[in-house]
Amino acid sequence: MDIFCEKCQKRVGRIADEKIPAGKKLSVSCPKCGDKIYFEKPEDFSADFDLPDNYDVMDAASPAENKAARSSSSGASSKKWQEYDFNIMEIIREAWAKTSGTKGPVWGACGLAFLAVAVFSTALISISSLIGKGPASFGLQGAGRLTISVASYPFMAGLILLAIRRSVGLPINYKMAFSCYYAMLPIVIASILTSLLTFIGFLLVLIPGIYLSVAYVLTIHLIVDKEFGPWQAMEASRKAIQRHWFKVFGLYFVMSFICFLSAIPFGIGLIWTLPMFLMVGGVLYREVFGVTQEI
């Protein structure tokens, strides 16, 4: 069932019906306004009903319905992103508030990833030294660098997933940063396509490159949360963001400036601002598309 905040007039999360004890009323706090939201298990739930006109098709009540909605034609897109709006400073403030509780999982996951890369690189160097100089050694090193590069995309997607879950108050831990490797192919394809199209935009004329770099900012969010395909996620992100493109640009400009300032004292401030940067994306995504992740 969907969890809806009457005060904010927003869907803030979802919980599977089987996880709600029968006859017991539960409550959660709205991640935006803090109000208590009370809910209980529906007495009679049936999938055989007509959806109202204003129902968000991407917020279907079950994974099966979500999958069916995702595979439908692009004309059956959600109305939610058509109606969203946000205040830049409100998102910045909320992202800062949610940085507490995000730093540990994010930096813990980064530490483990760094250790894994160090061990892998050391093993690669050792094998290369045994092989000696030559085409085989160069080929092995190139393959190793490519493996690390490709593996980094799902890891970054996992960090984005952490921010999405944190934006609606769902529990997070460092292990979740490694939970998106099942979607490696669409994540890698989307990352390469967005980078390529943005690069071409910068080469041809500067403005298209700037436009696309902002318009595609929620692409990976849609893949890890709603399981969109690469092009579907890119187009959904672009079409949604173009409605408030200048606001989104302003949001990331302000956040980038904050990160720049925080890096001045020996980079110490980045301990806080890099997780905060992730949270800005997570909160923005929640405001634009809503979150499909279950409690």
Protein backbone atom coordinates (compact mmCIF):
# COMPACT_ATOMS: atom_id res chain seq x y z
CA MET A 1 0.00 0.00 0.00
CA ASP A 2 1.06 3.59 -0.59
CA ILE A 3 1.87 5.87 2.35
CA PHE A 4 0.48 9.33 1.70
CA CYS A 5 1.06 12.53 3.70
CA GLU A 6 -2.15 14.57 3.83
CA LYS A 7 -0.29 17.71 4.89
CA CYS A 8 2.30 17.66 2.09
CA GLN A 9 -0.12 16.09 -0.39
CA LYS A 10 2.63 13.70 -1.47
CA ARG A 11 3.24 9.98 -1.57
CA VAL A 12 6.23 9.44 0.70
CA GLY A 13 6.72 5.68 0.53
CA ARG A 14 5.21 2.25 0.19
CA ILE A 15 4.97 -0.90 2.30
CA ALA A 16 3.97 -4.38 1.21
CA ASP A 17 0.56 -5.39 2.58
CA GLU A 18 1.92 -8.67 3.96
CA LYS A 19 4.36 -6.75 6.17
CA ILE A 20 1.52 -4.98 8.02
CA PRO A 21 0.14 -6.95 10.99
CA ALA A 22 -3.61 -7.52 10.69
CA GLY A 23 -5.70 -5.31 12.96
CA LYS A 24 -2.72 -3.18 14.03
CA LYS A 25 -2.31 0.51 13.21
CA LEU A 26 1.25 1.59 12.36
CA SER A 27 2.81 5.02 11.96
CA VAL A 28 5.78 6.65 10.24
CA SER A 29 7.02 10.23 10.15
CA CYS A 30 6.79 12.18 6.91
CA PRO A 31 10.39 12.80 5.75
CA LYS A 32 9.51 16.34 4.68
CA CYS A 33 7.15 17.85 7.27
CA GLY A 34 7.72 15.41 10.16
CA ASP A 35 4.01 14.78 10.74
CA LYS A 36 2.95 11.32 11.87
CA ILE A 37 1.24 9.23 9.20
CA TYR A 38 -0.97 6.42 10.49
CA PHE A 39 -1.99 3.41 8.41
CA GLU A 40 -3.26 -0.15 8.78
CA LYS A 41 -3.70 -3.24 6.63
CA PRO A 42 -6.60 -2.97 4.18
CA GLU A 43 -9.46 -5.27 5.13
CA ASP A 44 -10.11 -6.29 1.53
CA PHE A 45 -7.50 -5.67 -1.13
CA SER A 46 -8.20 -6.58 -4.74
CA ALA A 47 -6.24 -5.79 -7.87
CA ASP A 48 -9.46 -5.73 -9.91
CA PHE A 49 -10.30 -2.04 -9.79
CA ASP A 50 -10.05 0.99 -12.05
CA LEU A 51 -7.29 3.48 -11.35
CA PRO A 52 -8.41 7.08 -10.88
CA ASP A 53 -7.27 9.61 -13.48
CA ASN A 54 -4.79 11.27 -11.12
CA TYR A 55 -3.17 8.01 -9.94
CA ASP A 56 0.57 7.81 -10.56
CA VAL A 57 1.05 4.73 -12.76
CA MET A 58 4.67 4.46 -11.58
CA ASP A 59 3.46 4.10 -8.00
CA ALA A 60 1.48 0.90 -8.62
CA ALA A 61 0.82 -1.16 -5.53
CA SER A 62 2.96 -4.17 -6.40
CA PRO A 63 6.23 -4.99 -8.21
CA ALA A 64 4.22 -6.79 -10.89
CA GLU A 65 2.11 -3.70 -11.52
CA ASN A 66 5.23 -1.54 -11.56
CA LYS A 67 6.79 -3.82 -14.16
CA ALA A 68 3.65 -3.71 -16.28
CA ALA A 69 3.55 0.07 -16.03
CA ARG A 70 7.23 0.38 -16.95
CA SER A 71 6.78 -1.79 -20.03
CA SER A 72 3.77 0.19 -21.26
CA SER A 73 4.05 2.77 -24.00
CA SER A 74 5.63 6.15 -23.32
CA GLY A 75 2.23 7.78 -23.75
CA ALA A 76 1.08 6.24 -20.45
CA SER A 77 3.61 8.21 -18.41
CA SER A 78 3.05 9.40 -14.85
CA LYS A 79 1.34 12.71 -14.21
CA LYS A 80 3.41 13.27 -11.10
CA TRP A 81 6.43 14.75 -12.85
CA GLN A 82 4.18 17.08 -14.84
CA GLU A 83 2.98 18.77 -11.65
CA TYR A 84 6.08 18.90 -9.44
CA ASP A 85 7.80 22.02 -8.17
CA PHE A 86 10.41 22.68 -5.51
CA ASN A 87 12.31 25.35 -3.63
CA ILE A 88 16.10 25.24 -4.06
CA MET A 89 16.97 26.22 -0.51
CA GLU A 90 14.40 23.82 0.98
CA ILE A 91 16.05 20.91 -0.84
CA ILE A 92 19.51 22.11 0.25
CA ARG A 93 18.36 22.34 3.89
CA GLU A 94 16.68 18.93 3.82
CA ALA A 95 19.71 17.33 2.16
CA TRP A 96 21.95 18.80 4.87
CA ALA A 97 19.65 17.54 7.62
CA LYS A 98 19.65 14.03 6.12
CA THR A 99 23.44 14.00 5.71
CA SER A 100 23.56 12.92 9.34
CA GLY A 101 23.00 9.18 9.12
CA THR A 102 24.17 9.07 5.51
CA LYS A 103 27.89 9.76 5.98
CA GLY A 104 28.63 6.45 7.72
CA PRO A 105 27.10 4.13 5.10
CA VAL A 106 28.47 6.20 2.19
CA TRP A 107 32.06 6.45 3.44
CA GLY A 108 31.98 2.88 4.77
CA ALA A 109 31.01 1.64 1.30
CA CYS A 110 33.67 3.86 -0.32
CA GLY A 111 36.30 2.48 2.03
CA LEU A 112 35.42 -1.10 1.14
CA ALA A 113 35.38 -0.27 -2.57
CA PHE A 114 38.81 1.38 -2.29
CA LEU A 115 40.16 -1.69 -0.49
CA ALA A 116 38.75 -4.01 -3.17
CA VAL A 117 40.30 -1.92 -5.94
CA ALA A 118 43.65 -1.87 -4.11
CA VAL A 119 43.68 -5.66 -3.70
CA PHE A 120 42.62 -6.20 -7.32
CA SER A 121 45.24 -3.75 -8.63
CA THR A 122 47.99 -5.34 -6.52
CA ALA A 123 47.09 -8.81 -7.81
CA LEU A 124 47.05 -7.48 -11.36
CA ILE A 125 50.50 -5.91 -11.00
CA SER A 126 51.88 -9.13 -9.51
CA ILE A 127 50.53 -11.23 -12.39
CA SER A 128 51.84 -8.72 -14.94
CA SER A 129 55.30 -8.82 -13.41
CA LEU A 130 55.31 -12.61 -13.68
CA ILE A 131 54.29 -12.43 -17.33
CA GLY A 132 56.92 -9.79 -18.06
CA LYS A 133 56.79 -6.92 -20.51
CA GLY A 134 54.93 -7.52 -23.74
CA PRO A 135 51.51 -7.48 -25.41
CA ALA A 136 50.07 -9.98 -22.92
CA SER A 137 51.09 -7.82 -19.95
CA PHE A 138 49.75 -4.61 -21.51
CA GLY A 139 46.53 -6.38 -22.47
CA LEU A 140 46.06 -7.70 -18.94
CA GLN A 141 46.58 -4.26 -17.42
CA GLY A 142 44.18 -2.69 -19.90
CA ALA A 143 41.54 -5.32 -19.14
CA GLY A 144 42.03 -4.69 -15.42
CA ARG A 145 41.54 -0.94 -15.78
CA LEU A 146 38.45 -1.51 -17.90
CA THR A 147 37.03 -3.91 -15.29
CA ILE A 148 37.51 -1.35 -12.51
CA SER A 149 35.93 1.39 -14.62
CA VAL A 150 32.87 -0.71 -15.55
CA ALA A 151 32.43 -1.95 -11.96
CA SER A 152 32.42 1.64 -10.67
CA TYR A 153 29.13 2.47 -12.44
CA PRO A 154 26.89 0.07 -10.44
CA PHE A 155 28.73 1.12 -7.26
CA MET A 156 27.87 4.78 -7.88
CA ALA A 157 24.30 3.68 -8.65
CA GLY A 158 24.24 1.93 -5.27
CA LEU A 159 25.23 5.18 -3.55
CA ILE A 160 22.38 6.89 -5.41
CA LEU A 161 20.03 4.17 -4.12
CA LEU A 162 21.18 4.94 -0.57
CA ALA A 163 20.24 8.60 -1.08
CA ILE A 164 16.85 7.70 -2.56
CA ARG A 165 15.97 5.50 0.41
CA ARG A 166 17.26 8.06 2.91
CA SER A 167 15.13 10.76 1.26
CA VAL A 168 11.96 8.98 2.45
CA GLY A 169 13.33 7.81 5.78
CA LEU A 170 13.91 4.17 4.82
CA PRO A 171 16.76 2.32 6.58
CA ILE A 172 20.14 2.30 4.81
CA ASN A 173 23.49 0.58 5.31
CA TYR A 174 26.81 0.36 3.47
CA LYS A 175 25.91 -3.01 1.88
CA MET A 176 23.24 -1.33 -0.24
CA ALA A 177 25.96 0.47 -2.20
CA PHE A 178 26.85 -2.93 -3.67
CA SER A 179 23.26 -4.00 -4.40
CA CYS A 180 22.90 -2.65 -7.94
CA TYR A 181 25.23 -5.01 -9.79
CA TYR A 182 22.21 -7.00 -10.97
CA ALA A 183 21.42 -3.96 -13.16
CA MET A 184 25.00 -3.46 -14.37
CA LEU A 185 24.14 -3.60 -18.08
CA PRO A 186 21.42 -0.88 -18.14
CA ILE A 187 23.41 1.27 -15.71
CA VAL A 188 26.59 1.08 -17.81
CA ILE A 189 24.70 1.64 -21.08
CA ALA A 190 22.84 4.65 -19.67
CA SER A 191 26.03 6.12 -18.19
CA ILE A 192 27.91 5.77 -21.48
CA LEU A 193 25.01 7.17 -23.54
CA THR A 194 24.48 10.19 -21.30
CA SER A 195 28.22 10.93 -21.23
CA LEU A 196 28.52 10.52 -25.00
CA LEU A 197 25.51 12.70 -25.86
CA THR A 198 26.59 15.35 -23.36
CA PHE A 199 30.14 15.32 -24.77
CA ILE A 200 28.82 15.70 -28.32
CA GLY A 201 26.64 18.57 -27.12
CA PHE A 202 29.67 20.34 -25.67
CA LEU A 203 31.67 19.76 -28.87
CA LEU A 204 29.03 21.07 -31.25
CA VAL A 205 27.69 23.97 -29.25
CA LEU A 206 28.25 24.61 -25.55
CA ILE A 207 24.59 25.15 -24.63
CA PRO A 208 23.25 21.67 -25.67
CA GLY A 209 25.99 20.06 -23.58
CA ILE A 210 25.01 22.09 -20.51
CA TYR A 211 21.33 21.34 -21.13
CA LEU A 212 21.85 17.57 -21.39
CA SER A 213 24.22 17.37 -18.40
CA VAL A 214 21.39 18.74 -16.24
CA ALA A 215 18.49 17.04 -18.04
CA TYR A 216 19.94 13.53 -17.56
CA VAL A 217 20.80 13.99 -13.87
CA LEU A 218 18.03 11.63 -12.65
CA THR A 219 18.63 8.86 -15.21
CA ILE A 220 20.38 6.42 -12.88
CA HIS A 221 17.88 7.17 -10.12
CA LEU A 222 15.08 5.91 -12.38
CA ILE A 223 16.98 2.74 -13.27
CA VAL A 224 17.73 1.72 -9.68
CA ASP A 225 14.36 2.72 -8.22
CA LYS A 226 11.82 2.07 -10.99
CA GLU A 227 13.88 -0.37 -13.09
CA PHE A 228 13.56 1.68 -16.27
CA GLY A 229 15.57 0.77 -19.34
CA PRO A 230 18.51 3.05 -20.28
CA TRP A 231 16.78 5.14 -22.97
CA GLN A 232 13.46 5.14 -21.13
CA ALA A 233 15.18 6.52 -18.02
CA MET A 234 17.10 9.13 -20.01
CA GLU A 235 13.97 10.39 -21.74
CA ALA A 236 11.89 10.39 -18.53
CA SER A 237 14.59 12.38 -16.75
CA ARG A 238 14.95 14.85 -19.62
CA LYS A 239 11.22 15.43 -20.09
CA ALA A 240 10.63 15.90 -16.37
CA ILE A 241 13.57 18.21 -15.71
CA GLN A 242 13.01 20.42 -18.74
CA ARG A 243 9.87 21.75 -17.01
CA HIS A 244 12.07 23.33 -14.30
CA TRP A 245 15.47 23.10 -15.97
CA PHE A 246 16.77 26.43 -14.67
CA LYS A 247 15.76 25.54 -11.11
CA VAL A 248 17.54 22.18 -11.30
CA PHE A 249 20.58 23.90 -12.80
CA GLY A 250 20.50 26.44 -9.97
CA LEU A 251 20.18 23.68 -7.37
CA TYR A 252 23.26 21.82 -8.61
CA PHE A 253 25.18 25.07 -9.12
CA VAL A 254 24.62 26.01 -5.48
CA MET A 255 25.52 22.51 -4.30
CA SER A 256 28.67 22.45 -6.45
CA PHE A 257 29.72 25.80 -5.01
CA ILE A 258 29.19 24.46 -1.48
CA CYS A 259 31.38 21.45 -2.33
CA PHE A 260 34.04 23.76 -3.77
CA LEU A 261 34.12 25.86 -0.61
CA SER A 262 34.20 22.79 1.62
CA ALA A 263 37.26 21.46 -0.25
CA ILE A 264 39.37 24.54 0.51
CA PRO A 265 40.47 23.50 4.04
CA PHE A 266 42.46 20.43 2.86
CA GLY A 267 39.29 18.78 1.57
CA ILE A 268 38.06 18.00 5.09
CA GLY A 269 34.63 19.50 4.43
CA LEU A 270 34.01 16.98 1.65
CA ILE A 271 33.39 14.38 4.35
CA TRP A 272 30.02 16.11 4.80
CA THR A 273 29.36 17.74 1.44
CA LEU A 274 29.83 14.72 -0.84
CA PRO A 275 27.14 12.69 1.00
CA MET A 276 25.09 15.89 1.00
CA PHE A 277 25.50 16.11 -2.80
CA LEU A 278 24.08 12.59 -3.09
CA MET A 279 21.20 13.55 -0.82
CA VAL A 280 20.36 16.57 -3.00
CA GLY A 281 19.82 14.15 -5.89
CA GLY A 282 17.81 11.79 -3.70
CA VAL A 283 15.49 14.52 -2.40
CA LEU A 284 15.07 16.05 -5.88
CA TYR A 285 14.22 12.63 -7.31
CA ARG A 286 11.59 12.10 -4.60
CA GLU A 287 9.99 15.47 -5.40
CA VAL A 288 9.91 14.79 -9.14
CA PHE A 289 9.04 11.08 -9.45
CA GLY A 290 8.19 9.74 -5.98
CA VAL A 291 9.96 6.69 -4.56
CA THR A 292 9.06 3.07 -5.37
CA GLN A 293 11.35 1.45 -2.77
CA GLU A 294 9.49 -0.57 -0.11
CA ILE A 295 9.97 -0.28 3.65
